[in-house]
């Protein structure tokens, strides 16, 4: 994968996440699976439907930057202080201070 594609993904993620990160999100990571994009969002506590919907909107926004690619958004619960590092995708785009 090219460095240009990586930069494009990270910048698109940054733009898509503006105003969308709630206080119960611990970390957001992203990466490629072939030509497709994956996003993984780790929550602290129960995952409200509103937050799931907002993360789906983030995925839709991201898809607009990558023609022909599908975007998969996965929301998972790993409560603090449990470690989440083994669950991350290629690049971390948000990390809550804990």
C-alpha atoms as a PDB file:
ATOM      1  CA  UNK A   1       0.000   0.000   0.000  1.00  0.00           C
ATOM      2  CA  UNK A   2       1.256   3.423  -0.874  1.00  0.00           C
ATOM      3  CA  UNK A   3       2.058   6.138   1.623  1.00  0.00           C
ATOM      4  CA  UNK A   4      -0.246   8.457  -0.349  1.00  0.00           C
ATOM      5  CA  UNK A   5      -3.212   6.135   0.234  1.00  0.00           C
ATOM      6  CA  UNK A   6      -2.395   5.941   3.952  1.00  0.00           C
ATOM      7  CA  UNK A   7      -2.247   9.739   4.224  1.00  0.00           C
ATOM      8  CA  UNK A   8      -5.509  10.043   2.292  1.00  0.00           C
ATOM      9  CA  UNK A   9      -7.224   7.668   4.731  1.00  0.00           C
ATOM     10  CA  UNK A  10      -5.893   9.431   7.823  1.00  0.00           C
ATOM     11  CA  UNK A  11      -6.920  12.884   6.573  1.00  0.00           C
ATOM     12  CA  UNK A  12     -10.373  11.644   5.563  1.00  0.00           C
ATOM     13  CA  UNK A  13     -10.811  10.018   8.990  1.00  0.00           C
ATOM     14  CA  UNK A  14      -9.794  13.239  10.728  1.00  0.00           C
ATOM     15  CA  UNK A  15     -12.378  15.224   8.769  1.00  0.00           C
ATOM     16  CA  UNK A  16     -15.121  12.604   9.221  1.00  0.00           C
ATOM     17  CA  UNK A  17     -14.597  12.454  12.997  1.00  0.00           C
ATOM     18  CA  UNK A  18     -14.888  16.191  13.652  1.00  0.00           C
ATOM     19  CA  UNK A  19     -17.678  16.693  16.170  1.00  0.00           C
ATOM     20  CA  UNK A  20     -18.467  12.961  16.262  1.00  0.00           C
ATOM     21  CA  UNK A  21     -16.374  11.627  19.151  1.00  0.00           C
ATOM     22  CA  UNK A  22     -18.331  11.154  22.378  1.00  0.00           C
ATOM     23  CA  UNK A  23     -16.780  10.948  25.837  1.00  0.00           C
ATOM     24  CA  UNK A  24     -17.276   7.174  26.142  1.00  0.00           C
ATOM     25  CA  UNK A  25     -15.085   6.377  23.114  1.00  0.00           C
ATOM     26  CA  UNK A  26     -11.663   5.135  24.201  1.00  0.00           C
ATOM     27  CA  UNK A  27      -9.941   4.675  20.860  1.00  0.00           C
ATOM     28  CA  UNK A  28     -10.640   4.707  17.127  1.00  0.00           C
ATOM     29  CA  UNK A  29      -8.410   2.930  14.648  1.00  0.00           C
ATOM     30  CA  UNK A  30      -8.600   2.314  10.922  1.00  0.00           C
ATOM     31  CA  UNK A  31      -6.950   0.352   8.179  1.00  0.00           C
ATOM     32  CA  UNK A  32      -7.337  -1.321   4.811  1.00  0.00           C
ATOM     33  CA  UNK A  33      -8.536  -4.839   4.112  1.00  0.00           C
ATOM     34  CA  UNK A  34      -7.539  -5.221   0.480  1.00  0.00           C
ATOM     35  CA  UNK A  35      -9.264  -2.327  -1.292  1.00  0.00           C
ATOM     36  CA  UNK A  36     -11.820  -1.867   1.489  1.00  0.00           C
ATOM     37  CA  UNK A  37     -11.626   0.354   4.565  1.00  0.00           C
ATOM     38  CA  UNK A  38     -12.179  -0.803   8.142  1.00  0.00           C
ATOM     39  CA  UNK A  39     -12.865   1.359  11.188  1.00  0.00           C
ATOM     40  CA  UNK A  40     -12.851   0.022  14.740  1.00  0.00           C
ATOM     41  CA  UNK A  41     -14.310   2.055  17.600  1.00  0.00           C
ATOM     42  CA  UNK A  42     -13.740   0.898  21.190  1.00  0.00           C
ATOM     43  CA  UNK A  43     -16.251   2.158  23.756  1.00  0.00           C
ATOM     44  CA  UNK A  44     -16.083   2.302  27.540  1.00  0.00           C
ATOM     45  CA  UNK A  45     -19.431   1.061  28.837  1.00  0.00           C
ATOM     46  CA  UNK A  46     -22.620   0.294  26.946  1.00  0.00           C
ATOM     47  CA  UNK A  47     -22.741   1.529  23.361  1.00  0.00           C
ATOM     48  CA  UNK A  48     -25.704   3.874  22.886  1.00  0.00           C
ATOM     49  CA  UNK A  49     -27.629   3.525  19.623  1.00  0.00           C
ATOM     50  CA  UNK A  50     -27.041   7.241  19.003  1.00  0.00           C
ATOM     51  CA  UNK A  51     -23.274   6.688  19.087  1.00  0.00           C
ATOM     52  CA  UNK A  52     -23.567   3.671  16.766  1.00  0.00           C
ATOM     53  CA  UNK A  53     -25.545   5.812  14.344  1.00  0.00           C
ATOM     54  CA  UNK A  54     -22.978   8.596  14.475  1.00  0.00           C
ATOM     55  CA  UNK A  55     -20.170   6.126  13.762  1.00  0.00           C
ATOM     56  CA  UNK A  56     -22.177   4.798  10.788  1.00  0.00           C
ATOM     57  CA  UNK A  57     -22.343   8.391   9.530  1.00  0.00           C
ATOM     58  CA  UNK A  58     -18.558   8.610   9.921  1.00  0.00           C
ATOM     59  CA  UNK A  59     -18.290   5.486   7.761  1.00  0.00           C
ATOM     60  CA  UNK A  60     -20.573   7.006   5.125  1.00  0.00           C
ATOM     61  CA  UNK A  61     -18.517  10.204   5.083  1.00  0.00           C
ATOM     62  CA  UNK A  62     -15.345   8.160   4.725  1.00  0.00           C
ATOM     63  CA  UNK A  63     -16.821   6.127   1.855  1.00  0.00           C
ATOM     64  CA  UNK A  64     -17.297   9.344  -0.115  1.00  0.00           C
ATOM     65  CA  UNK A  65     -13.485   9.676  -0.228  1.00  0.00           C
ATOM     66  CA  UNK A  66     -12.845   6.156  -1.577  1.00  0.00           C
ATOM     67  CA  UNK A  67     -14.836   5.350  -4.729  1.00  0.00           C
ATOM     68  CA  UNK A  68     -15.602   1.668  -5.113  1.00  0.00           C
ATOM     69  CA  UNK A  69     -14.404   0.708  -1.640  1.00  0.00           C
ATOM     70  CA  UNK A  70     -16.739  -0.601   1.011  1.00  0.00           C
ATOM     71  CA  UNK A  71     -16.353   0.786   4.518  1.00  0.00           C
ATOM     72  CA  UNK A  72     -16.959  -1.433   7.537  1.00  0.00           C
ATOM     73  CA  UNK A  73     -17.474   0.178  10.939  1.00  0.00           C
ATOM     74  CA  UNK A  74     -17.131  -2.063  13.983  1.00  0.00           C
ATOM     75  CA  UNK A  75     -18.145  -0.840  17.431  1.00  0.00           C
ATOM     76  CA  UNK A  76     -16.901  -2.890  20.380  1.00  0.00           C
ATOM     77  CA  UNK A  77     -17.056  -2.561  24.145  1.00  0.00           C
ATOM     78  CA  UNK A  78     -13.869  -2.871  26.171  1.00  0.00           C
ATOM     79  CA  UNK A  79     -14.305  -1.184  29.527  1.00  0.00           C
ATOM     80  CA  UNK A  80     -11.453   0.708  31.165  1.00  0.00           C
ATOM     81  CA  UNK A  81      -8.974  -0.270  32.511  1.00  0.00           C
ATOM     82  CA  UNK A  82      -8.945  -3.360  30.252  1.00  0.00           C
ATOM     83  CA  UNK A  83      -6.261  -3.233  27.558  1.00  0.00           C
ATOM     84  CA  UNK A  84      -7.446  -2.733  23.974  1.00  0.00           C
ATOM     85  CA  UNK A  85      -4.106  -2.609  22.130  1.00  0.00           C
ATOM     86  CA  UNK A  86      -4.457  -6.135  20.706  1.00  0.00           C
ATOM     87  CA  UNK A  87      -7.726  -5.098  19.030  1.00  0.00           C
ATOM     88  CA  UNK A  88      -6.467  -2.073  17.103  1.00  0.00           C
ATOM     89  CA  UNK A  89      -6.257  -1.864  13.333  1.00  0.00           C
ATOM     90  CA  UNK A  90      -3.305  -0.376  11.435  1.00  0.00           C
ATOM     91  CA  UNK A  91      -3.513   3.273  12.516  1.00  0.00           C
ATOM     92  CA  UNK A  92      -4.910   4.975  15.577  1.00  0.00           C
ATOM     93  CA  UNK A  93      -6.806   8.193  14.769  1.00  0.00           C
ATOM     94  CA  UNK A  94      -8.210   8.968  18.221  1.00  0.00           C
ATOM     95  CA  UNK A  95      -7.031   7.994  21.694  1.00  0.00           C
ATOM     96  CA  UNK A  96      -8.693   9.124  24.900  1.00  0.00           C
ATOM     97  CA  UNK A  97      -6.430  10.067  27.791  1.00  0.00           C
ATOM     98  CA  UNK A  98      -6.867   7.534  30.583  1.00  0.00           C
END
